[in-house]
C-alpha atoms as a PDB file:
ATOM      1  CA  MET A   1    -110.769 -59.275 -30.042  1.00  0.00           C
ATOM      2  CA  PRO A   2    -114.314 -58.586 -29.773  1.00  0.00           C
ATOM      3  CA  ALA A   3    -115.979 -59.890 -26.764  1.00  0.00           C
ATOM      4  CA  LEU A   4    -118.986 -61.464 -29.061  1.00  0.00           C
ATOM      5  CA  TRP A   5    -116.031 -63.129 -30.832  1.00  0.00           C
ATOM      6  CA  LEU A   6    -114.344 -64.620 -27.930  1.00  0.00           C
ATOM      7  CA  SER A   7    -116.882 -65.702 -25.873  1.00  0.00           C
ATOM      8  CA  LEU A   8    -118.339 -67.619 -28.771  1.00  0.00           C
ATOM      9  CA  GLY A   9    -114.823 -69.080 -29.532  1.00  0.00           C
ATOM     10  CA  LEU A  10    -114.384 -69.880 -25.565  1.00  0.00           C
ATOM     11  CA  GLY A  11    -117.931 -71.220 -25.680  1.00  0.00           C
ATOM     12  CA  LEU A  12    -117.251 -73.644 -28.340  1.00  0.00           C
ATOM     13  CA  VAL A  13    -113.920 -74.996 -26.635  1.00  0.00           C
ATOM     14  CA  ALA A  14    -116.146 -75.536 -23.651  1.00  0.00           C
ATOM     15  CA  GLY A  15    -118.713 -77.491 -25.671  1.00  0.00           C
ATOM     16  CA  LEU A  16    -115.519 -79.595 -27.550  1.00  0.00           C
ATOM     17  CA  ALA A  17    -114.958 -80.546 -24.328  1.00  0.00           C
ATOM     18  CA  ASP A  18    -118.066 -82.084 -23.672  1.00  0.00           C
ATOM     19  CA  TYR A  19    -117.568 -84.063 -26.917  1.00  0.00           C
ATOM     20  CA  VAL A  20    -113.864 -85.229 -25.466  1.00  0.00           C
ATOM     21  CA  GLY A  21    -115.599 -86.750 -22.599  1.00  0.00           C
ATOM     22  CA  GLY A  22    -117.988 -88.478 -24.392  1.00  0.00           C
ATOM     23  CA  VAL A  23    -115.173 -89.737 -26.781  1.00  0.00           C
ATOM     24  CA  LEU A  24    -113.173 -90.993 -23.708  1.00  0.00           C
ATOM     25  CA  LEU A  25    -115.961 -92.860 -22.332  1.00  0.00           C
ATOM     26  CA  VAL A  26    -116.791 -94.784 -25.760  1.00  0.00           C
ATOM     27  CA  ARG A  27    -113.392 -95.637 -26.332  1.00  0.00           C
ATOM     28  CA  ARG A  28    -112.491 -96.432 -23.112  1.00  0.00           C
ATOM     29  CA  SER A  29    -109.741 -94.507 -22.696  1.00  0.00           C
ATOM     30  CA  PRO A  30    -107.106 -95.438 -19.544  1.00  0.00           C
ATOM     31  CA  SER A  31    -106.958 -91.760 -19.153  1.00  0.00           C
ATOM     32  CA  ALA A  32    -110.685 -91.494 -18.139  1.00  0.00           C
ATOM     33  CA  LYS A  33    -109.710 -92.278 -14.805  1.00  0.00           C
ATOM     34  CA  SER A  34    -107.840 -88.706 -13.854  1.00  0.00           C
ATOM     35  CA  LEU A  35    -111.397 -87.278 -15.018  1.00  0.00           C
ATOM     36  CA  ARG A  36    -112.084 -87.514 -10.840  1.00  0.00           C
ATOM     37  CA  TYR A  37    -109.522 -85.074 -10.705  1.00  0.00           C
ATOM     38  CA  PHE A  38    -111.078 -82.295 -12.954  1.00  0.00           C
ATOM     39  CA  VAL A  39    -113.882 -83.152 -10.576  1.00  0.00           C
ATOM     40  CA  ALA A  40    -112.611 -81.720  -7.632  1.00  0.00           C
ATOM     41  CA  LEU A  41    -110.544 -79.130  -9.450  1.00  0.00           C
ATOM     42  CA  GLY A  42    -113.245 -77.762 -11.016  1.00  0.00           C
ATOM     43  CA  ALA A  43    -115.618 -78.031  -7.978  1.00  0.00           C
ATOM     44  CA  GLY A  44    -113.070 -75.890  -5.812  1.00  0.00           C
ATOM     45  CA  PHE A  45    -112.544 -73.573  -8.943  1.00  0.00           C
ATOM     46  CA  MET A  46    -116.535 -72.781  -9.530  1.00  0.00           C
ATOM     47  CA  LEU A  47    -117.484 -72.736  -6.149  1.00  0.00           C
ATOM     48  CA  ALA A  48    -114.798 -69.908  -5.525  1.00  0.00           C
ATOM     49  CA  ALA A  49    -115.730 -68.147  -8.734  1.00  0.00           C
ATOM     50  CA  ALA A  50    -119.147 -68.104  -8.214  1.00  0.00           C
ATOM     51  CA  LEU A  51    -119.498 -67.043  -4.557  1.00  0.00           C
ATOM     52  CA  LEU A  52    -116.646 -64.078  -4.467  1.00  0.00           C
ATOM     53  CA  GLU A  53    -116.960 -63.300  -8.305  1.00  0.00           C
ATOM     54  CA  MET A  54    -120.420 -63.779  -9.921  1.00  0.00           C
ATOM     55  CA  VAL A  55    -122.300 -63.268  -6.938  1.00  0.00           C
ATOM     56  CA  PRO A  56    -121.158 -60.153  -6.350  1.00  0.00           C
ATOM     57  CA  GLU A  57    -120.897 -58.737  -9.617  1.00  0.00           C
ATOM     58  CA  ALA A  58    -124.646 -59.707 -10.198  1.00  0.00           C
ATOM     59  CA  VAL A  59    -125.595 -57.630  -7.039  1.00  0.00           C
ATOM     60  CA  ARG A  60    -123.757 -54.983  -8.274  1.00  0.00           C
ATOM     61  CA  ILE A  61    -125.456 -55.045 -11.787  1.00  0.00           C
ATOM     62  CA  ASN A  62    -128.950 -55.648 -10.517  1.00  0.00           C
ATOM     63  CA  ALA A  63    -128.654 -54.953  -6.590  1.00  0.00           C
ATOM     64  CA  LYS A  64    -132.495 -55.736  -6.088  1.00  0.00           C
ATOM     65  CA  TRP A  65    -133.046 -58.779  -7.702  1.00  0.00           C
ATOM     66  CA  ALA A  66    -129.804 -60.296  -8.548  1.00  0.00           C
ATOM     67  CA  PRO A  67    -129.928 -62.206  -5.181  1.00  0.00           C
ATOM     68  CA  LEU A  68    -133.680 -63.867  -5.741  1.00  0.00           C
ATOM     69  CA  LEU A  69    -132.263 -64.603  -9.232  1.00  0.00           C
ATOM     70  CA  VAL A  70    -129.126 -66.563  -7.689  1.00  0.00           C
ATOM     71  CA  LEU A  71    -131.424 -68.242  -5.067  1.00  0.00           C
ATOM     72  CA  LEU A  72    -134.033 -69.032  -8.091  1.00  0.00           C
ATOM     73  CA  GLY A  73    -131.270 -70.714 -10.354  1.00  0.00           C
ATOM     74  CA  TYR A  74    -130.515 -72.929  -7.802  1.00  0.00           C
ATOM     75  CA  CYS A  75    -133.420 -74.135  -6.774  1.00  0.00           C
ATOM     76  CA  GLY A  76    -134.438 -74.406 -10.315  1.00  0.00           C
ATOM     77  CA  VAL A  77    -131.761 -76.962 -10.874  1.00  0.00           C
ATOM     78  CA  HIS A  78    -132.901 -78.630  -7.787  1.00  0.00           C
ATOM     79  CA  LEU A  79    -136.257 -78.793  -8.627  1.00  0.00           C
ATOM     80  CA  LEU A  80    -135.113 -80.279 -12.163  1.00  0.00           C
ATOM     81  CA  GLU A  81    -133.020 -82.749 -10.778  1.00  0.00           C
ATOM     82  CA  HIS A  82    -135.668 -84.270  -8.425  1.00  0.00           C
ATOM     83  CA  THR A  83    -138.232 -84.309 -11.166  1.00  0.00           C
ATOM     84  CA  LEU A  84    -137.909 -85.004 -14.382  1.00  0.00           C
ATOM     85  CA  VAL A  85    -134.076 -86.062 -14.016  1.00  0.00           C
ATOM     86  CA  PRO A  86    -133.336 -89.140 -12.221  1.00  0.00           C
ATOM     87  CA  HIS A  87    -129.916 -89.185  -9.546  1.00  0.00           C
ATOM     88  CA  PHE A  88    -127.132 -89.512 -11.170  1.00  0.00           C
ATOM     89  CA  HIS A  89    -123.329 -88.804 -10.642  1.00  0.00           C
ATOM     90  CA  PHE A  90    -120.316 -87.386 -12.127  1.00  0.00           C
ATOM     91  CA  GLY A  91    -118.436 -90.359 -13.642  1.00  0.00           C
ATOM     92  CA  GLU A  92    -118.880 -93.297 -15.319  1.00  0.00           C
ATOM     93  CA  GLU A  93    -122.702 -95.131 -14.825  1.00  0.00           C
ATOM     94  CA  THR A  94    -122.244 -98.646 -13.580  1.00  0.00           C
ATOM     95  CA  HIS A  95    -125.289 -99.133 -12.318  1.00  0.00           C
ATOM     96  CA  GLU A  96    -127.396-100.429 -15.710  1.00  0.00           C
ATOM     97  CA  HIS A  97    -130.222-101.658 -13.679  1.00  0.00           C
ATOM     98  CA  GLU A  98    -130.938 -98.121 -12.489  1.00  0.00           C
ATOM     99  CA  PHE A  99    -131.358 -96.929 -16.380  1.00  0.00           C
ATOM    100  CA  LEU A 100    -133.744 -99.656 -17.710  1.00  0.00           C
ATOM    101  CA  SER A 101    -135.447 -97.091 -20.380  1.00  0.00           C
ATOM    102  CA  ALA A 102    -134.525 -94.713 -23.442  1.00  0.00           C
ATOM    103  CA  ARG A 103    -136.844 -92.243 -21.700  1.00  0.00           C
ATOM    104  CA  THR A 104    -134.644 -92.483 -18.563  1.00  0.00           C
ATOM    105  CA  SER A 105    -131.383 -91.970 -20.301  1.00  0.00           C
ATOM    106  CA  TYR A 106    -132.886 -88.994 -22.302  1.00  0.00           C
ATOM    107  CA  SER A 107    -133.984 -87.057 -19.370  1.00  0.00           C
ATOM    108  CA  VAL A 108    -130.782 -87.256 -17.872  1.00  0.00           C
ATOM    109  CA  LEU A 109    -129.159 -85.315 -20.915  1.00  0.00           C
ATOM    110  CA  LEU A 110    -132.034 -82.929 -21.028  1.00  0.00           C
ATOM    111  CA  GLY A 111    -131.177 -82.190 -17.304  1.00  0.00           C
ATOM    112  CA  LEU A 112    -127.687 -81.811 -18.090  1.00  0.00           C
ATOM    113  CA  ALA A 113    -128.368 -80.229 -20.971  1.00  0.00           C
ATOM    114  CA  ALA A 114    -130.138 -77.169 -18.952  1.00  0.00           C
ATOM    115  CA  HIS A 115    -126.782 -77.166 -17.258  1.00  0.00           C
ATOM    116  CA  THR A 116    -124.856 -76.583 -20.326  1.00  0.00           C
ATOM    117  CA  PHE A 117    -127.111 -73.931 -21.388  1.00  0.00           C
ATOM    118  CA  PHE A 118    -126.458 -71.700 -18.197  1.00  0.00           C
ATOM    119  CA  ASP A 119    -123.008 -72.385 -18.716  1.00  0.00           C
ATOM    120  CA  GLY A 120    -122.858 -71.067 -21.845  1.00  0.00           C
ATOM    121  CA  ILE A 121    -125.171 -67.803 -20.036  1.00  0.00           C
ATOM    122  CA  ALA A 122    -122.428 -67.815 -17.567  1.00  0.00           C
ATOM    123  CA  ILE A 123    -119.433 -67.242 -20.345  1.00  0.00           C
ATOM    124  CA  GLY A 124    -121.414 -64.871 -22.385  1.00  0.00           C
ATOM    125  CA  SER A 125    -122.758 -62.805 -19.573  1.00  0.00           C
ATOM    126  CA  GLY A 126    -119.165 -62.557 -17.980  1.00  0.00           C
ATOM    127  CA  PHE A 127    -117.571 -61.464 -21.382  1.00  0.00           C
ATOM    128  CA  ALA A 128    -120.484 -59.082 -21.556  1.00  0.00           C
ATOM    129  CA  LEU A 129    -119.208 -57.268 -18.805  1.00  0.00           C
ATOM    130  CA  SER A 130    -115.421 -57.838 -18.772  1.00  0.00           C
ATOM    131  CA  HIS A 131    -113.094 -60.010 -20.534  1.00  0.00           C
ATOM    132  CA  TRP A 132    -111.389 -60.986 -16.880  1.00  0.00           C
ATOM    133  CA  LEU A 133    -114.790 -61.979 -15.677  1.00  0.00           C
ATOM    134  CA  GLY A 134    -115.214 -63.731 -18.864  1.00  0.00           C
ATOM    135  CA  TRP A 135    -112.071 -65.304 -18.511  1.00  0.00           C
ATOM    136  CA  LEU A 136    -112.701 -66.594 -15.122  1.00  0.00           C
ATOM    137  CA  ILE A 137    -116.315 -67.376 -15.535  1.00  0.00           C
ATOM    138  CA  PHE A 138    -114.396 -70.020 -19.125  1.00  0.00           C
ATOM    139  CA  VAL A 139    -112.009 -71.573 -16.339  1.00  0.00           C
ATOM    140  CA  ALA A 140    -114.347 -72.618 -14.149  1.00  0.00           C
ATOM    141  CA  VAL A 141    -116.972 -73.901 -16.713  1.00  0.00           C
ATOM    142  CA  PHE A 142    -114.212 -76.100 -18.723  1.00  0.00           C
ATOM    143  CA  LEU A 143    -112.796 -77.635 -15.582  1.00  0.00           C
ATOM    144  CA  HIS A 144    -116.331 -79.632 -15.392  1.00  0.00           C
ATOM    145  CA  LYS A 145    -116.775 -79.939 -18.885  1.00  0.00           C
ATOM    146  CA  ILE A 146    -114.669 -83.085 -19.656  1.00  0.00           C
ATOM    147  CA  PRO A 147    -116.717 -85.268 -16.983  1.00  0.00           C
ATOM    148  CA  GLU A 148    -119.702 -83.970 -17.980  1.00  0.00           C
ATOM    149  CA  GLY A 149    -119.369 -85.089 -21.472  1.00  0.00           C
ATOM    150  CA  PHE A 150    -118.227 -88.481 -19.981  1.00  0.00           C
ATOM    151  CA  THR A 151    -121.078 -88.784 -18.046  1.00  0.00           C
ATOM    152  CA  VAL A 152    -123.726 -88.000 -20.678  1.00  0.00           C
ATOM    153  CA  ALA A 153    -122.077 -90.910 -22.827  1.00  0.00           C
ATOM    154  CA  SER A 154    -121.951 -93.390 -19.897  1.00  0.00           C
ATOM    155  CA  VAL A 155    -125.416 -92.488 -18.542  1.00  0.00           C
ATOM    156  CA  MET A 156    -126.577 -93.071 -22.646  1.00  0.00           C
ATOM    157  CA  LEU A 157    -124.993 -96.374 -22.516  1.00  0.00           C
ATOM    158  CA  ALA A 158    -126.003 -97.773 -19.493  1.00  0.00           C
ATOM    159  CA  GLY A 159    -129.906 -97.062 -20.861  1.00  0.00           C
ATOM    160  CA  GLY A 160    -129.147 -99.398 -23.803  1.00  0.00           C
ATOM    161  CA  ARG A 161    -128.229 -96.614 -26.687  1.00  0.00           C
ATOM    162  CA  GLY A 162    -125.482 -97.506 -29.113  1.00  0.00           C
ATOM    163  CA  ARG A 163    -121.749 -95.701 -29.241  1.00  0.00           C
ATOM    164  CA  GLN A 164    -122.801 -92.868 -31.636  1.00  0.00           C
ATOM    165  CA  ALA A 165    -125.801 -91.975 -29.204  1.00  0.00           C
ATOM    166  CA  ALA A 166    -123.592 -91.912 -26.625  1.00  0.00           C
ATOM    167  CA  LEU A 167    -121.758 -89.282 -28.658  1.00  0.00           C
ATOM    168  CA  ASN A 168    -124.375 -87.778 -30.253  1.00  0.00           C
ATOM    169  CA  SER A 169    -125.640 -86.863 -26.549  1.00  0.00           C
ATOM    170  CA  ALA A 170    -121.787 -84.631 -25.484  1.00  0.00           C
ATOM    171  CA  MET A 171    -122.398 -83.035 -28.553  1.00  0.00           C
ATOM    172  CA  VAL A 172    -125.589 -82.126 -27.434  1.00  0.00           C
ATOM    173  CA  LEU A 173    -124.562 -80.664 -24.254  1.00  0.00           C
ATOM    174  CA  GLY A 174    -121.635 -79.287 -26.201  1.00  0.00           C
ATOM    175  CA  ALA A 175    -124.233 -77.295 -28.383  1.00  0.00           C
ATOM    176  CA  THR A 176    -126.696 -76.109 -25.537  1.00  0.00           C
ATOM    177  CA  THR A 177    -123.248 -74.387 -24.269  1.00  0.00           C
ATOM    178  CA  VAL A 178    -122.429 -72.407 -27.488  1.00  0.00           C
ATOM    179  CA  LEU A 179    -126.579 -71.659 -27.308  1.00  0.00           C
ATOM    180  CA  GLY A 180    -126.560 -70.221 -24.019  1.00  0.00           C
ATOM    181  CA  VAL A 181    -123.202 -68.198 -24.990  1.00  0.00           C
ATOM    182  CA  LEU A 182    -125.100 -66.737 -28.214  1.00  0.00           C
ATOM    183  CA  VAL A 183    -128.322 -65.912 -26.444  1.00  0.00           C
ATOM    184  CA  ILE A 184    -126.506 -63.566 -24.131  1.00  0.00           C
ATOM    185  CA  ASN A 185    -124.820 -61.938 -27.168  1.00  0.00           C
ATOM    186  CA  LEU A 186    -127.942 -61.406 -29.048  1.00  0.00           C
ATOM    187  CA  GLU A 187    -129.638 -59.542 -26.181  1.00  0.00           C
ATOM    188  CA  PRO A 188    -126.683 -58.056 -24.092  1.00  0.00           C
ATOM    189  CA  LYS A 189    -129.436 -56.694 -21.282  1.00  0.00           C
ATOM    190  CA  TRP A 190    -130.336 -59.764 -20.432  1.00  0.00           C
ATOM    191  CA  VAL A 191    -127.326 -60.264 -18.517  1.00  0.00           C
ATOM    192  CA  LEU A 192    -129.011 -58.535 -15.808  1.00  0.00           C
ATOM    193  CA  ALA A 193    -130.636 -61.779 -15.191  1.00  0.00           C
ATOM    194  CA  GLY A 194    -128.398 -64.165 -16.651  1.00  0.00           C
ATOM    195  CA  LEU A 195    -125.331 -63.562 -14.579  1.00  0.00           C
ATOM    196  CA  PRO A 196    -127.134 -64.374 -11.134  1.00  0.00           C
ATOM    197  CA  LEU A 197    -129.260 -67.248 -12.886  1.00  0.00           C
ATOM    198  CA  SER A 198    -126.058 -68.671 -14.058  1.00  0.00           C
ATOM    199  CA  ALA A 199    -124.180 -67.973 -10.472  1.00  0.00           C
ATOM    200  CA  GLY A 200    -127.167 -70.016  -8.786  1.00  0.00           C
ATOM    201  CA  VAL A 201    -126.839 -73.076 -11.142  1.00  0.00           C
ATOM    202  CA  THR A 202    -122.872 -72.803 -11.016  1.00  0.00           C
ATOM    203  CA  ILE A 203    -123.178 -72.954  -7.242  1.00  0.00           C
ATOM    204  CA  TYR A 204    -125.586 -76.197  -7.012  1.00  0.00           C
ATOM    205  CA  VAL A 205    -124.005 -77.990  -9.709  1.00  0.00           C
ATOM    206  CA  ALA A 206    -120.238 -77.661  -7.644  1.00  0.00           C
ATOM    207  CA  ALA A 207    -121.662 -77.826  -3.923  1.00  0.00           C
ATOM    208  CA  THR A 208    -124.440 -79.954  -4.929  1.00  0.00           C
ATOM    209  CA  ASP A 209    -123.394 -82.518  -7.907  1.00  0.00           C
ATOM    210  CA  LEU A 210    -119.876 -82.367  -7.711  1.00  0.00           C
ATOM    211  CA  VAL A 211    -118.215 -81.766  -4.413  1.00  0.00           C
ATOM    212  CA  PRO A 212    -120.697 -85.117  -3.476  1.00  0.00           C
ATOM    213  CA  GLU A 213    -118.302 -87.086  -6.138  1.00  0.00           C
ATOM    214  CA  VAL A 214    -115.147 -85.896  -4.114  1.00  0.00           C
ATOM    215  CA  ASN A 215    -116.706 -86.849  -1.099  1.00  0.00           C
ATOM    216  CA  ARG A 216    -117.355 -90.610  -2.341  1.00  0.00           C
ATOM    217  CA  GLU A 217    -113.435 -90.857  -2.438  1.00  0.00           C
ATOM    218  CA  PRO A 218    -111.687 -92.668   0.477  1.00  0.00           C
ATOM    219  CA  GLY A 219    -108.825 -90.537   1.936  1.00  0.00           C
ATOM    220  CA  VAL A 220    -107.927 -87.052   1.847  1.00  0.00           C
ATOM    221  CA  ARG A 221    -106.590 -86.424  -1.882  1.00  0.00           C
ATOM    222  CA  MET A 222    -109.626 -85.755  -4.074  1.00  0.00           C
ATOM    223  CA  ALA A 223    -110.279 -83.477  -0.932  1.00  0.00           C
ATOM    224  CA  LEU A 224    -106.735 -81.644  -1.103  1.00  0.00           C
ATOM    225  CA  VAL A 225    -107.449 -81.483  -5.094  1.00  0.00           C
ATOM    226  CA  PHE A 226    -110.094 -79.681  -4.229  1.00  0.00           C
ATOM    227  CA  PHE A 227    -108.931 -77.845  -1.916  1.00  0.00           C
ATOM    228  CA  LEU A 228    -106.278 -77.042  -4.557  1.00  0.00           C
ATOM    229  CA  GLY A 229    -109.133 -75.708  -7.175  1.00  0.00           C
ATOM    230  CA  VAL A 230    -109.883 -73.007  -4.359  1.00  0.00           C
ATOM    231  CA  VAL A 231    -106.083 -71.985  -4.421  1.00  0.00           C
ATOM    232  CA  VAL A 232    -105.946 -71.857  -8.240  1.00  0.00           C
ATOM    233  CA  PHE A 233    -109.082 -69.523  -8.075  1.00  0.00           C
ATOM    234  CA  PHE A 234    -107.312 -67.348  -5.879  1.00  0.00           C
ATOM    235  CA  VAL A 235    -103.749 -67.290  -7.718  1.00  0.00           C
ATOM    236  CA  ALA A 236    -105.634 -66.324 -10.888  1.00  0.00           C
ATOM    237  CA  ARG A 237    -107.518 -63.487  -8.878  1.00  0.00           C
ATOM    238  CA  LEU A 238    -104.227 -62.132  -7.966  1.00  0.00           C
ATOM    239  CA  LEU A 239    -102.967 -61.643 -10.975  1.00  0.00           C
ATOM    240  CA  GLY A 240    -106.378 -60.170 -12.377  1.00  0.00           C
ATOM    241  CA  PRO A 241    -106.477 -56.722 -12.852  1.00  0.00           C
ATOM    242  CA  PHE A 242    -108.290 -56.561  -9.743  1.00  0.00           C
END
C-alpha cells in the first residue's frame, strides 16, 4: 500500500481513538477506569520510541538542525501549556472549580489540538521515511489517544459545556491528527523539520504530561505498566527490519 494512503488511514484510526475516548467519558463507561493503564503503557512506549527511533532518525536526515528542532518542539509545548493552557491532567477532571469559563475549557482544547497536530506530523513523517518507522510511531501515538479524547471531553463538561460539545471537542482532536498527516504528505520535504519537532513534542507529552500521571497512582502496578511499555517497544524493535 502506498505510504500516502497508509499514513492517512492510520492517522484516521488514531483520530477515531480520540473520539472513542470522548464517548467513553460522556457515556460514563465502566471500562474508562482502565484508561490509566493506557496512559502508563503509552508513556513508556512513546518515550522509548522518541528517544531511540525518532531522534536518531531525525539526526540522520537533518544532522545540522535536528537537535535544535527537538529542543524547540519540547520547549514550544512547555511554553504553550504554561501560558495559553492552564494545568490539566490526563484523565477525568473532577475539580470543576478549576474550570469556570468556556474560555478556559476551549483553551485546553486548543492546547491538546496542538499536541494532536504534531501526532499527525509524527505519523506522516515516519511513513515518509519508511513503513517500519511509520508503524512504530503510529503505535506510540495510538496508545495515548483514547485517554486524550477522554481528557478533553472531561474538561469540556467540567467547564459547563454539554455532552455534544464534549464529543465535538474529541472529534476536533481527531481531525487535527489527520491534518498533521496530510500536511507532511502534501509537502514531504517538511519531514526534515517535522520529524525532529514532533520528536520533541512526543518527549514532552510522554515525560512531562503522562509520566506524572503514572507517578500519581499509589503502589508499583502503574510503574510496572510503564516499564512494560518500554519492553513492548524493544520487542517491536527486535521484530522489525533492523
